[in-house]
PDB file of N, CA and C in Angstrom:
ATOM      1  N   VAL A   1     149.205 100.752  45.003  1.00  0.00           N
ATOM      2  CA  VAL A   1     148.421 101.815  45.649  1.00  0.00           C
ATOM      3  C   VAL A   1     146.996 101.323  45.908  1.00  0.00           C
ATOM      4  N   ILE A   2     146.422 100.653  44.917  1.00  0.00           N
ATOM      5  CA  ILE A   2     145.055 100.144  45.072  1.00  0.00           C
ATOM      6  C   ILE A   2     144.996  99.146  46.230  1.00  0.00           C
ATOM      7  N   LEU A   3     146.014  98.305  46.319  1.00  0.00           N
ATOM      8  CA  LEU A   3     146.048  97.316  47.395  1.00  0.00           C
ATOM      9  C   LEU A   3     146.130  98.015  48.755  1.00  0.00           C
ATOM     10  N   GLU A   4     146.940  99.073  48.828  1.00  0.00           N
ATOM     11  CA  GLU A   4     147.068  99.808  50.090  1.00  0.00           C
ATOM     12  C   GLU A   4     145.731 100.406  50.505  1.00  0.00           C
ATOM     13  N   VAL A   5     145.016 100.965  49.554  1.00  0.00           N
ATOM     14  CA  VAL A   5     143.700 101.544  49.850  1.00  0.00           C
ATOM     15  C   VAL A   5     142.756 100.458  50.339  1.00  0.00           C
ATOM     16  N   ALA A   6     142.817  99.292  49.701  1.00  0.00           N
ATOM     17  CA  ALA A   6     141.957  98.183  50.110  1.00  0.00           C
ATOM     18  C   ALA A   6     142.294  97.759  51.525  1.00  0.00           C
ATOM     19  N   ASN A   7     143.587  97.711  51.851  1.00  0.00           N
ATOM     20  CA  ASN A   7     144.001  97.323  53.202  1.00  0.00           C
ATOM     21  C   ASN A   7     143.486  98.324  54.234  1.00  0.00           C
ATOM     22  N   VAL A   8     143.581  99.602  53.900  1.00  0.00           N
ATOM     23  CA  VAL A   8     143.092 100.638  54.813  1.00  0.00           C
ATOM     24  C   VAL A   8     141.591 100.463  55.025  1.00  0.00           C
ATOM     25  N   ALA A   9     140.870 100.184  53.946  1.00  0.00           N
ATOM     26  CA  ALA A   9     139.429  99.992  54.047  1.00  0.00           C
ATOM     27  C   ALA A   9     139.111  98.815  54.959  1.00  0.00           C
ATOM     28  N   GLU A  10     139.892  97.742  54.827  1.00  0.00           N
ATOM     29  CA  GLU A  10     139.663  96.566  55.680  1.00  0.00           C
ATOM     30  C   GLU A  10     139.929  96.901  57.133  1.00  0.00           C
ATOM     31  N   ILE A  11     141.005  97.654  57.389  1.00  0.00           N
ATOM     32  CA  ILE A  11     141.338  98.040  58.763  1.00  0.00           C
ATOM     33  C   ILE A  11     140.212  98.884  59.359  1.00  0.00           C
ATOM     34  N   VAL A  12     139.689  99.806  58.553  1.00  0.00           N
ATOM     35  CA  VAL A  12     138.593 100.661  59.022  1.00  0.00           C
ATOM     36  C   VAL A  12     137.373  99.810  59.357  1.00  0.00           C
ATOM     37  N   GLU A  13     137.084  98.828  58.505  1.00  0.00           N
ATOM     38  CA  GLU A  13     135.922  97.968  58.757  1.00  0.00           C
ATOM     39  C   GLU A  13     136.111  97.178  60.046  1.00  0.00           C
ATOM     40  N   VAL A  14     137.313  96.645  60.245  1.00  0.00           N
ATOM     41  CA  VAL A  14     137.598  95.900  61.480  1.00  0.00           C
ATOM     42  C   VAL A  14     137.440  96.821  62.689  1.00  0.00           C
ATOM     43  N   ALA A  15     137.960  98.035  62.576  1.00  0.00           N
ATOM     44  CA  ALA A  15     137.859  99.003  63.672  1.00  0.00           C
ATOM     45  C   ALA A  15     136.398  99.281  63.999  1.00  0.00           C
ATOM     46  N   GLU A  16     135.570  99.397  62.960  1.00  0.00           N
ATOM     47  CA  GLU A  16     134.142  99.659  63.188  1.00  0.00           C
ATOM     48  C   GLU A  16     133.480  98.493  63.906  1.00  0.00           C
ATOM     49  N   VAL A  17     133.848  97.275  63.506  1.00  0.00           N
ATOM     50  CA  VAL A  17     133.291  96.082  64.165  1.00  0.00           C
ATOM     51  C   VAL A  17     133.703  96.073  65.627  1.00  0.00           C
ATOM     52  N   VAL A  18     134.978  96.377  65.888  1.00  0.00           N
ATOM     53  CA  VAL A  18     135.465  96.413  67.268  1.00  0.00           C
ATOM     54  C   VAL A  18     134.679  97.432  68.079  1.00  0.00           C
ATOM     55  N   LYS A  19     134.432  98.608  67.486  1.00  0.00           N
ATOM     56  CA  LYS A  19     133.664  99.644  68.193  1.00  0.00           C
ATOM     57  C   LYS A  19     132.266  99.149  68.524  1.00  0.00           C
ATOM     58  N   VAL A  20     131.626  98.481  67.575  1.00  0.00           N
ATOM     59  CA  VAL A  20     130.269  97.971  67.804  1.00  0.00           C
ATOM     60  C   VAL A  20     130.288  96.962  68.949  1.00  0.00           C
ATOM     61  N   VAL A  21     131.290  96.085  68.943  1.00  0.00           N
ATOM     62  CA  VAL A  21     131.401  95.086  70.011  1.00  0.00           C
ATOM     63  C   VAL A  21     131.589  95.776  71.357  1.00  0.00           C
ATOM     64  N   GLU A  22     132.462  96.797  71.389  1.00  0.00           N
ATOM     65  CA  GLU A  22     132.693  97.518  72.645  1.00  0.00           C
ATOM     66  C   GLU A  22     131.434  98.213  73.123  1.00  0.00           C
ATOM     67  N   VAL A  23     130.699  98.836  72.214  1.00  0.00           N
ATOM     68  CA  VAL A  23     129.446  99.511  72.581  1.00  0.00           C
ATOM     69  C   VAL A  23     128.451  98.489  73.132  1.00  0.00           C
ATOM     70  N   THR A  24     128.385  97.323  72.478  1.00  0.00           N
ATOM     71  CA  THR A  24     127.481  96.268  72.935  1.00  0.00           C
ATOM     72  C   THR A  24     127.846  95.836  74.351  1.00  0.00           C
ATOM     73  N   LYS A  25     129.152  95.704  74.616  1.00  0.00           N
ATOM     74  CA  LYS A  25     129.599  95.306  75.954  1.00  0.00           C
ATOM     75  C   LYS A  25     129.197  96.346  76.984  1.00  0.00           C
ATOM     76  N   VAL A  26     129.367  97.625  76.637  1.00  0.00           N
ATOM     77  CA  VAL A  26     129.004  98.705  77.557  1.00  0.00           C
ATOM     78  C   VAL A  26     127.512  98.657  77.850  1.00  0.00           C
ATOM     79  N   VAL A  27     126.718  98.453  76.804  1.00  0.00           N
ATOM     80  CA  VAL A  27     125.268  98.390  76.978  1.00  0.00           C
ATOM     81  C   VAL A  27     124.906  97.236  77.906  1.00  0.00           C
ATOM     82  N   LYS A  28     125.549  96.079  77.700  1.00  0.00           N
ATOM     83  CA  LYS A  28     125.255  94.923  78.549  1.00  0.00           C
ATOM     84  C   LYS A  28     125.609  95.212  79.999  1.00  0.00           C
ATOM     85  N   VAL A  29     126.743  95.878  80.228  1.00  0.00           N
ATOM     86  CA  VAL A  29     127.158  96.220  81.593  1.00  0.00           C
ATOM     87  C   VAL A  29     126.136  97.145  82.228  1.00  0.00           C
ATOM     88  N   VAL A  30     125.706  98.152  81.467  1.00  0.00           N
ATOM     89  CA  VAL A  30     124.718  99.105  81.986  1.00  0.00           C
ATOM     90  C   VAL A  30     123.428  98.370  82.342  1.00  0.00           C
ATOM     91  N   GLU A  31     122.997  97.472  81.457  1.00  0.00           N
ATOM     92  CA  GLU A  31     121.764  96.724  81.725  1.00  0.00           C
ATOM     93  C   GLU A  31     121.929  95.852  82.967  1.00  0.00           C
ATOM     94  N   ALA A  32     123.086  95.232  83.116  1.00  0.00           N
ATOM     95  CA  ALA A  32     123.350  94.377  84.284  1.00  0.00           C
ATOM     96  C   ALA A  32     123.291  95.205  85.558  1.00  0.00           C
ATOM     97  N   VAL A  33     123.865  96.405  85.514  1.00  0.00           N
ATOM     98  CA  VAL A  33     123.842  97.287  86.682  1.00  0.00           C
ATOM     99  C   VAL A  33     122.404  97.647  87.025  1.00  0.00           C
ATOM    100  N   LYS A  34     121.604  97.951  86.013  1.00  0.00           N
ATOM    101  CA  LYS A  34     120.204  98.302  86.256  1.00  0.00           C
ATOM    102  C   LYS A  34     119.473  97.127  86.904  1.00  0.00           C
ATOM    103  N   VAL A  35     119.723  95.919  86.424  1.00  0.00           N
ATOM    104  CA  VAL A  35     119.080  94.732  86.991  1.00  0.00           C
ATOM    105  C   VAL A  35     119.468  94.581  88.455  1.00  0.00           C
ATOM    106  N   VAL A  36     120.755  94.771  88.742  1.00  0.00           N
ATOM    107  CA  VAL A  36     121.233  94.659  90.127  1.00  0.00           C
ATOM    108  C   VAL A  36     120.535  95.686  91.004  1.00  0.00           C
ATOM    109  N   GLU A  37     120.412  96.910  90.498  1.00  0.00           N
ATOM    110  CA  GLU A  37     119.761  97.963  91.282  1.00  0.00           C
ATOM    111  C   GLU A  37     118.305  97.613  91.549  1.00  0.00           C
ATOM    112  N   ILE A  38     117.627  97.064  90.551  1.00  0.00           N
ATOM    113  CA  ILE A  38     116.223  96.686  90.721  1.00  0.00           C
ATOM    114  C   ILE A  38     116.102  95.585  91.770  1.00  0.00           C
ATOM    115  N   VAL A  39     116.989  94.596  91.680  1.00  0.00           N
ATOM    116  CA  VAL A  39     116.952  93.481  92.640  1.00  0.00           C
ATOM    117  C   VAL A  39     117.207  93.989  94.050  1.00  0.00           C
ATOM    118  N   GLU A  40     118.164  94.911  94.187  1.00  0.00           N
ATOM    119  CA  GLU A  40     118.480  95.439  95.513  1.00  0.00           C
ATOM    120  C   GLU A  40     117.312  96.235  96.081  1.00  0.00           C
ATOM    121  N   ASN A  41     116.530  96.878  95.232  1.00  0.00           N
ATOM    122  CA  ASN A  41     115.412  97.690  95.699  1.00  0.00           C
ATOM    123  C   ASN A  41     114.263  96.831  96.204  1.00  0.00           C
ATOM    124  N   ILE A  42     114.182  95.598  95.705  1.00  0.00           N
ATOM    125  CA  ILE A  42     113.076  94.734  96.111  1.00  0.00           C
ATOM    126  C   ILE A  42     113.287  94.275  97.549  1.00  0.00           C
TER     127      ILE A  42
END
């Protein structure tokens, strides 16, 4: 039972890391879009 709980905890931690990576990717895309818009306005 203890091992199962530990495995669940590890899965949750991995899921959190994946979420952070996905959020970072979204932020980078948004920033890239903003840069493109600025360049187009010039």
